[in-house]
Amino acid sequence: MIVIGGMVLGILIGAYTAKKSGGGRLDMAQYAAGYGIALALLGLIATIAISRYMV
């Protein structure tokens, strides 16, 4: 759940960042992909850490 939430949040932040800086649709897609992947990886690390320390 944390991974999916991080990915969705990253996509939204990336698209907003590109649009704010005056980028086009392809720039928004690229920023959204980059931020989505980055935050999904952080969510994965958080999920692994939580599951290791809970058990």
PDB file of N, CA and C in Angstrom:
ATOM      1  N   MET A   1       0.812  -1.187   0.000  1.00  0.00           N
ATOM      2  CA  MET A   1       0.000   0.000   0.000  1.00  0.00           C
ATOM      3  C   MET A   1       0.863   1.262   0.000  1.00  0.00           C
ATOM      4  N   ILE A   2       1.941   1.219   0.763  1.00  0.00           N
ATOM      5  CA  ILE A   2       2.816   2.390   0.829  1.00  0.00           C
ATOM      6  C   ILE A   2       3.479   2.624  -0.525  1.00  0.00           C
ATOM      7  N   VAL A   3       3.811   1.557  -1.222  1.00  0.00           N
ATOM      8  CA  VAL A   3       4.475   1.678  -2.527  1.00  0.00           C
ATOM      9  C   VAL A   3       3.538   2.346  -3.528  1.00  0.00           C
ATOM     10  N   ILE A   4       2.294   1.898  -3.567  1.00  0.00           N
ATOM     11  CA  ILE A   4       1.324   2.466  -4.504  1.00  0.00           C
ATOM     12  C   ILE A   4       1.042   3.923  -4.160  1.00  0.00           C
ATOM     13  N   GLY A   5       0.891   4.214  -2.882  1.00  0.00           N
ATOM     14  CA  GLY A   5       0.666   5.598  -2.454  1.00  0.00           C
ATOM     15  C   GLY A   5       1.826   6.503  -2.819  1.00  0.00           C
ATOM     16  N   GLY A   6       3.044   6.004  -2.627  1.00  0.00           N
ATOM     17  CA  GLY A   6       4.225   6.781  -2.999  1.00  0.00           C
ATOM     18  C   GLY A   6       4.302   7.030  -4.487  1.00  0.00           C
ATOM     19  N   MET A   7       3.938   6.015  -5.274  1.00  0.00           N
ATOM     20  CA  MET A   7       3.971   6.164  -6.725  1.00  0.00           C
ATOM     21  C   MET A   7       2.956   7.201  -7.189  1.00  0.00           C
ATOM     22  N   VAL A   8       1.740   7.122  -6.664  1.00  0.00           N
ATOM     23  CA  VAL A   8       0.699   8.081  -7.057  1.00  0.00           C
ATOM     24  C   VAL A   8       1.088   9.491  -6.631  1.00  0.00           C
ATOM     25  N   LEU A   9       1.594   9.629  -5.416  1.00  0.00           N
ATOM     26  CA  LEU A   9       2.027  10.946  -4.942  1.00  0.00           C
ATOM     27  C   LEU A   9       3.172  11.484  -5.802  1.00  0.00           C
ATOM     28  N   GLY A  10       4.109  10.621  -6.174  1.00  0.00           N
ATOM     29  CA  GLY A  10       5.219  11.032  -7.030  1.00  0.00           C
ATOM     30  C   GLY A  10       4.760  11.479  -8.401  1.00  0.00           C
ATOM     31  N   ILE A  11       3.785  10.769  -8.958  1.00  0.00           N
ATOM     32  CA  ILE A  11       3.250  11.154 -10.264  1.00  0.00           C
ATOM     33  C   ILE A  11       2.618  12.531 -10.195  1.00  0.00           C
ATOM     34  N   LEU A  12       1.840  12.766  -9.148  1.00  0.00           N
ATOM     35  CA  LEU A  12       1.191  14.072  -9.006  1.00  0.00           C
ATOM     36  C   LEU A  12       2.203  15.194  -8.795  1.00  0.00           C
ATOM     37  N   ILE A  13       3.183  14.953  -7.953  1.00  0.00           N
ATOM     38  CA  ILE A  13       4.212  15.970  -7.701  1.00  0.00           C
ATOM     39  C   ILE A  13       5.026  16.235  -8.961  1.00  0.00           C
ATOM     40  N   GLY A  14       5.392  15.173  -9.674  1.00  0.00           N
ATOM     41  CA  GLY A  14       6.185  15.342 -10.890  1.00  0.00           C
ATOM     42  C   GLY A  14       5.450  16.115 -11.969  1.00  0.00           C
ATOM     43  N   ALA A  15       4.184  15.778 -12.180  1.00  0.00           N
ATOM     44  CA  ALA A  15       3.404  16.490 -13.190  1.00  0.00           C
ATOM     45  C   ALA A  15       3.230  17.957 -12.812  1.00  0.00           C
ATOM     46  N   TYR A  16       2.993  18.216 -11.538  1.00  0.00           N
ATOM     47  CA  TYR A  16       2.832  19.595 -11.076  1.00  0.00           C
ATOM     48  C   TYR A  16       4.135  20.382 -11.230  1.00  0.00           C
ATOM     49  N   THR A  17       5.252  19.744 -10.909  1.00  0.00           N
ATOM     50  CA  THR A  17       6.551  20.411 -11.023  1.00  0.00           C
ATOM     51  C   THR A  17       6.851  20.788 -12.476  1.00  0.00           C
ATOM     52  N   ALA A  18       6.584  19.868 -13.395  1.00  0.00           N
ATOM     53  CA  ALA A  18       6.843  20.149 -14.809  1.00  0.00           C
ATOM     54  C   ALA A  18       5.914  21.234 -15.338  1.00  0.00           C
ATOM     55  N   LYS A  19       4.657  21.179 -14.940  1.00  0.00           N
ATOM     56  CA  LYS A  19       3.705  22.187 -15.412  1.00  0.00           C
ATOM     57  C   LYS A  19       4.056  23.564 -14.862  1.00  0.00           C
ATOM     58  N   LYS A  20       4.498  23.603 -13.613  1.00  0.00           N
ATOM     59  CA  LYS A  20       4.869  24.868 -12.975  1.00  0.00           C
ATOM     60  C   LYS A  20       6.073  25.512 -13.661  1.00  0.00           C
ATOM     61  N   SER A  21       6.989  24.685 -14.166  1.00  0.00           N
ATOM     62  CA  SER A  21       8.174  25.221 -14.825  1.00  0.00           C
ATOM     63  C   SER A  21       7.950  25.484 -16.319  1.00  0.00           C
ATOM     64  N   GLY A  22       6.710  25.322 -16.785  1.00  0.00           N
ATOM     65  CA  GLY A  22       6.386  25.662 -18.158  1.00  0.00           C
ATOM     66  C   GLY A  22       6.597  24.545 -19.157  1.00  0.00           C
ATOM     67  N   GLY A  23       6.659  23.317 -18.701  1.00  0.00           N
ATOM     68  CA  GLY A  23       6.889  22.185 -19.589  1.00  0.00           C
ATOM     69  C   GLY A  23       5.624  21.751 -20.304  1.00  0.00           C
ATOM     70  N   GLY A  24       5.812  21.029 -21.394  1.00  0.00           N
ATOM     71  CA  GLY A  24       4.702  20.511 -22.174  1.00  0.00           C
ATOM     72  C   GLY A  24       4.234  19.165 -21.632  1.00  0.00           C
ATOM     73  N   ARG A  25       3.396  18.504 -22.429  1.00  0.00           N
ATOM     74  CA  ARG A  25       2.835  17.227 -21.992  1.00  0.00           C
ATOM     75  C   ARG A  25       3.897  16.150 -21.841  1.00  0.00           C
ATOM     76  N   LEU A  26       4.862  16.123 -22.741  1.00  0.00           N
ATOM     77  CA  LEU A  26       5.915  15.113 -22.634  1.00  0.00           C
ATOM     78  C   LEU A  26       6.827  15.369 -21.439  1.00  0.00           C
ATOM     79  N   ASP A  27       7.078  16.640 -21.146  1.00  0.00           N
ATOM     80  CA  ASP A  27       7.858  16.971 -19.952  1.00  0.00           C
ATOM     81  C   ASP A  27       7.121  16.538 -18.699  1.00  0.00           C
ATOM     82  N   MET A  28       5.814  16.771 -18.678  1.00  0.00           N
ATOM     83  CA  MET A  28       5.019  16.353 -17.528  1.00  0.00           C
ATOM     84  C   MET A  28       5.056  14.846 -17.363  1.00  0.00           C
ATOM     85  N   ALA A  29       4.992  14.113 -18.474  1.00  0.00           N
ATOM     86  CA  ALA A  29       5.033  12.652 -18.401  1.00  0.00           C
ATOM     87  C   ALA A  29       6.397  12.169 -17.894  1.00  0.00           C
ATOM     88  N   GLN A  30       7.467  12.808 -18.351  1.00  0.00           N
ATOM     89  CA  GLN A  30       8.802  12.398 -17.929  1.00  0.00           C
ATOM     90  C   GLN A  30       9.027  12.692 -16.447  1.00  0.00           C
ATOM     91  N   TYR A  31       8.646  13.873 -16.007  1.00  0.00           N
ATOM     92  CA  TYR A  31       8.783  14.219 -14.599  1.00  0.00           C
ATOM     93  C   TYR A  31       7.919  13.296 -13.735  1.00  0.00           C
ATOM     94  N   ALA A  32       6.700  13.022 -14.193  1.00  0.00           N
ATOM     95  CA  ALA A  32       5.800  12.148 -13.440  1.00  0.00           C
ATOM     96  C   ALA A  32       6.399  10.752 -13.309  1.00  0.00           C
ATOM     97  N   ALA A  33       6.993  10.238 -14.381  1.00  0.00           N
ATOM     98  CA  ALA A  33       7.605   8.913 -14.329  1.00  0.00           C
ATOM     99  C   ALA A  33       8.792   8.898 -13.368  1.00  0.00           C
ATOM    100  N   GLY A  34       9.625   9.897 -13.450  1.00  0.00           N
ATOM    101  CA  GLY A  34      10.802   9.963 -12.583  1.00  0.00           C
ATOM    102  C   GLY A  34      10.441  10.073 -11.111  1.00  0.00           C
ATOM    103  N   TYR A  35       9.558  10.993 -10.793  1.00  0.00           N
ATOM    104  CA  TYR A  35       9.137  11.161  -9.407  1.00  0.00           C
ATOM    105  C   TYR A  35       8.357   9.941  -8.923  1.00  0.00           C
ATOM    106  N   GLY A  36       7.540   9.364  -9.791  1.00  0.00           N
ATOM    107  CA  GLY A  36       6.773   8.180  -9.411  1.00  0.00           C
ATOM    108  C   GLY A  36       7.673   7.011  -9.067  1.00  0.00           C
ATOM    109  N   ILE A  37       8.680   6.768  -9.884  1.00  0.00           N
ATOM    110  CA  ILE A  37       9.619   5.673  -9.620  1.00  0.00           C
ATOM    111  C   ILE A  37      10.402   5.940  -8.330  1.00  0.00           C
ATOM    112  N   ALA A  38      10.850   7.165  -8.155  1.00  0.00           N
ATOM    113  CA  ALA A  38      11.650   7.495  -6.969  1.00  0.00           C
ATOM    114  C   ALA A  38      10.839   7.299  -5.689  1.00  0.00           C
ATOM    115  N   LEU A  39       9.626   7.803  -5.659  1.00  0.00           N
ATOM    116  CA  LEU A  39       8.834   7.673  -4.438  1.00  0.00           C
ATOM    117  C   LEU A  39       8.323   6.252  -4.242  1.00  0.00           C
ATOM    118  N   ALA A  40       8.121   5.509  -5.322  1.00  0.00           N
ATOM    119  CA  ALA A  40       7.749   4.103  -5.181  1.00  0.00           C
ATOM    120  C   ALA A  40       8.904   3.319  -4.551  1.00  0.00           C
ATOM    121  N   LEU A  41      10.134   3.618  -4.944  1.00  0.00           N
ATOM    122  CA  LEU A  41      11.289   2.953  -4.335  1.00  0.00           C
ATOM    123  C   LEU A  41      11.425   3.315  -2.857  1.00  0.00           C
ATOM    124  N   LEU A  42      11.191   4.571  -2.523  1.00  0.00           N
ATOM    125  CA  LEU A  42      11.223   4.954  -1.114  1.00  0.00           C
ATOM    126  C   LEU A  42      10.126   4.239  -0.331  1.00  0.00           C
ATOM    127  N   GLY A  43       8.956   4.097  -0.934  1.00  0.00           N
ATOM    128  CA  GLY A  43       7.875   3.358  -0.296  1.00  0.00           C
ATOM    129  C   GLY A  43       8.217   1.894  -0.105  1.00  0.00           C
ATOM    130  N   LEU A  44       8.899   1.310  -1.082  1.00  0.00           N
ATOM    131  CA  LEU A  44       9.323  -0.082  -0.969  1.00  0.00           C
ATOM    132  C   LEU A  44      10.309  -0.259   0.174  1.00  0.00           C
ATOM    133  N   ILE A  45      11.263   0.647   0.266  1.00  0.00           N
ATOM    134  CA  ILE A  45      12.238   0.590   1.358  1.00  0.00           C
ATOM    135  C   ILE A  45      11.536   0.758   2.704  1.00  0.00           C
ATOM    136  N   ALA A  46      10.587   1.679   2.776  1.00  0.00           N
ATOM    137  CA  ALA A  46       9.839   1.880   4.018  1.00  0.00           C
ATOM    138  C   ALA A  46       9.034   0.637   4.376  1.00  0.00           C
ATOM    139  N   THR A  47       8.422   0.006   3.389  1.00  0.00           N
ATOM    140  CA  THR A  47       7.636  -1.208   3.641  1.00  0.00           C
ATOM    141  C   THR A  47       8.519  -2.333   4.163  1.00  0.00           C
ATOM    142  N   ILE A  48       9.683  -2.507   3.558  1.00  0.00           N
ATOM    143  CA  ILE A  48      10.608  -3.551   4.008  1.00  0.00           C
ATOM    144  C   ILE A  48      11.088  -3.268   5.429  1.00  0.00           C
ATOM    145  N   ALA A  49      11.432  -2.010   5.703  1.00  0.00           N
ATOM    146  CA  ALA A  49      11.898  -1.648   7.037  1.00  0.00           C
ATOM    147  C   ALA A  49      10.814  -1.875   8.083  1.00  0.00           C
ATOM    148  N   ILE A  50       9.600  -1.484   7.765  1.00  0.00           N
ATOM    149  CA  ILE A  50       8.497  -1.660   8.706  1.00  0.00           C
ATOM    150  C   ILE A  50       8.240  -3.139   8.962  1.00  0.00           C
ATOM    151  N   SER A  51       8.237  -3.934   7.918  1.00  0.00           N
ATOM    152  CA  SER A  51       7.947  -5.360   8.093  1.00  0.00           C
ATOM    153  C   SER A  51       9.076  -6.074   8.852  1.00  0.00           C
ATOM    154  N   ARG A  52      10.292  -5.637   8.686  1.00  0.00           N
ATOM    155  CA  ARG A  52      11.410  -6.271   9.417  1.00  0.00           C
ATOM    156  C   ARG A  52      11.383  -5.923  10.896  1.00  0.00           C
ATOM    157  N   TYR A  53      11.026  -4.686  11.221  1.00  0.00           N
ATOM    158  CA  TYR A  53      11.030  -4.274  12.612  1.00  0.00           C
ATOM    159  C   TYR A  53       9.762  -4.652  13.360  1.00  0.00           C
ATOM    160  N   MET A  54       8.688  -4.959  12.642  1.00  0.00           N
ATOM    161  CA  MET A  54       7.445  -5.360  13.279  1.00  0.00           C
ATOM    162  C   MET A  54       7.471  -6.824  13.710  1.00  0.00           C
ATOM    163  N   VAL A  55       8.257  -7.637  13.003  1.00  0.00           N
ATOM    164  CA  VAL A  55       8.251  -9.078  13.294  1.00  0.00           C
ATOM    165  C   VAL A  55       9.419  -9.475  14.155  1.00  0.00           C
TER     166      VAL A  55
END
